[in-house]
């Protein structure tokens, strides 16, 4: 059974085995750059601001249990 041909998500040329799922190092680098510059985002449900503040305070307390020391 033949596998369907994969196409590069950047330029739509056929993907090359060496750079899968991309066709070249150039397209792979373009994709990586998009992640670095936050062009891609993973959707998440809206956050409850109060719960977020509680979580941040909890983390701060764990990292620095005595805020009066240095």
C-alpha atoms as a PDB file:
ATOM      1  CA  UNK A   1       0.000   0.000   0.000  1.00  0.00           C
ATOM      2  CA  UNK A   2       1.423   3.393  -1.003  1.00  0.00           C
ATOM      3  CA  UNK A   3       1.760   6.173   1.535  1.00  0.00           C
ATOM      4  CA  UNK A   4       0.118   9.468   0.544  1.00  0.00           C
ATOM      5  CA  UNK A   5       2.595  12.106  -0.592  1.00  0.00           C
ATOM      6  CA  UNK A   6       3.279  14.664   2.120  1.00  0.00           C
ATOM      7  CA  UNK A   7       3.609  18.297   1.206  1.00  0.00           C
ATOM      8  CA  UNK A   8       5.701  20.919   2.943  1.00  0.00           C
ATOM      9  CA  UNK A   9       3.476  23.037   5.216  1.00  0.00           C
ATOM     10  CA  UNK A  10       5.471  26.149   4.267  1.00  0.00           C
ATOM     11  CA  UNK A  11       5.735  26.056   0.462  1.00  0.00           C
ATOM     12  CA  UNK A  12       3.583  23.016  -0.460  1.00  0.00           C
ATOM     13  CA  UNK A  13       6.384  21.272  -2.393  1.00  0.00           C
ATOM     14  CA  UNK A  14       6.748  17.510  -1.825  1.00  0.00           C
ATOM     15  CA  UNK A  15       8.358  16.746   1.533  1.00  0.00           C
ATOM     16  CA  UNK A  16      11.866  15.285   1.532  1.00  0.00           C
ATOM     17  CA  UNK A  17      12.714  12.365   3.826  1.00  0.00           C
ATOM     18  CA  UNK A  18      15.735  14.187   5.286  1.00  0.00           C
ATOM     19  CA  UNK A  19      13.639  17.240   6.331  1.00  0.00           C
ATOM     20  CA  UNK A  20      10.214  15.681   6.930  1.00  0.00           C
ATOM     21  CA  UNK A  21       7.615  17.162   7.057  1.00  0.00           C
ATOM     22  CA  UNK A  22       9.402  19.941   5.167  1.00  0.00           C
ATOM     23  CA  UNK A  23      10.966  19.985   1.724  1.00  0.00           C
ATOM     24  CA  UNK A  24      14.234  21.649   2.774  1.00  0.00           C
ATOM     25  CA  UNK A  25      16.247  23.048   5.668  1.00  0.00           C
ATOM     26  CA  UNK A  26      15.139  26.517   4.590  1.00  0.00           C
ATOM     27  CA  UNK A  27      11.447  25.701   5.122  1.00  0.00           C
ATOM     28  CA  UNK A  28      12.222  23.953   8.422  1.00  0.00           C
ATOM     29  CA  UNK A  29      14.082  27.088   9.569  1.00  0.00           C
ATOM     30  CA  UNK A  30      11.184  29.324   8.506  1.00  0.00           C
ATOM     31  CA  UNK A  31       8.839  27.211  10.609  1.00  0.00           C
ATOM     32  CA  UNK A  32      11.200  27.323  13.609  1.00  0.00           C
ATOM     33  CA  UNK A  33      11.441  31.095  13.278  1.00  0.00           C
ATOM     34  CA  UNK A  34       7.661  31.348  13.348  1.00  0.00           C
ATOM     35  CA  UNK A  35       7.632  29.475  16.670  1.00  0.00           C
ATOM     36  CA  UNK A  36      10.402  31.717  18.068  1.00  0.00           C
ATOM     37  CA  UNK A  37       8.532  34.894  17.092  1.00  0.00           C
ATOM     38  CA  UNK A  38       5.296  33.433  18.519  1.00  0.00           C
ATOM     39  CA  UNK A  39       3.489  33.470  15.176  1.00  0.00           C
ATOM     40  CA  UNK A  40       2.070  30.111  16.207  1.00  0.00           C
ATOM     41  CA  UNK A  41       0.028  29.808  19.361  1.00  0.00           C
ATOM     42  CA  UNK A  42      -1.737  26.957  21.060  1.00  0.00           C
ATOM     43  CA  UNK A  43      -5.267  27.967  21.970  1.00  0.00           C
ATOM     44  CA  UNK A  44      -6.366  27.658  25.563  1.00  0.00           C
ATOM     45  CA  UNK A  45      -9.603  28.465  27.338  1.00  0.00           C
ATOM     46  CA  UNK A  46      -9.878  31.912  28.952  1.00  0.00           C
ATOM     47  CA  UNK A  47      -8.209  32.016  32.347  1.00  0.00           C
ATOM     48  CA  UNK A  48      -9.853  33.088  35.571  1.00  0.00           C
ATOM     49  CA  UNK A  49      -7.777  36.071  36.712  1.00  0.00           C
ATOM     50  CA  UNK A  50      -8.366  35.399  40.412  1.00  0.00           C
ATOM     51  CA  UNK A  51      -7.198  31.782  40.119  1.00  0.00           C
ATOM     52  CA  UNK A  52      -4.192  32.954  38.123  1.00  0.00           C
ATOM     53  CA  UNK A  53      -3.217  35.408  40.905  1.00  0.00           C
ATOM     54  CA  UNK A  54      -3.616  32.664  43.527  1.00  0.00           C
ATOM     55  CA  UNK A  55      -1.391  30.345  41.510  1.00  0.00           C
ATOM     56  CA  UNK A  56       1.303  33.010  41.057  1.00  0.00           C
ATOM     57  CA  UNK A  57       1.262  33.815  44.783  1.00  0.00           C
ATOM     58  CA  UNK A  58       1.521  30.120  45.608  1.00  0.00           C
ATOM     59  CA  UNK A  59       4.530  29.754  43.317  1.00  0.00           C
ATOM     60  CA  UNK A  60       6.193  32.833  44.835  1.00  0.00           C
ATOM     61  CA  UNK A  61       5.681  31.442  48.345  1.00  0.00           C
ATOM     62  CA  UNK A  62       7.253  28.133  47.383  1.00  0.00           C
ATOM     63  CA  UNK A  63      10.245  29.826  45.785  1.00  0.00           C
ATOM     64  CA  UNK A  64      10.721  32.352  48.580  1.00  0.00           C
ATOM     65  CA  UNK A  65       8.873  31.232  51.749  1.00  0.00           C
ATOM     66  CA  UNK A  66      10.285  34.112  53.807  1.00  0.00           C
ATOM     67  CA  UNK A  67       9.971  37.384  51.850  1.00  0.00           C
ATOM     68  CA  UNK A  68      11.743  39.283  54.690  1.00  0.00           C
ATOM     69  CA  UNK A  69      15.031  37.489  54.023  1.00  0.00           C
ATOM     70  CA  UNK A  70      17.379  38.849  51.338  1.00  0.00           C
END
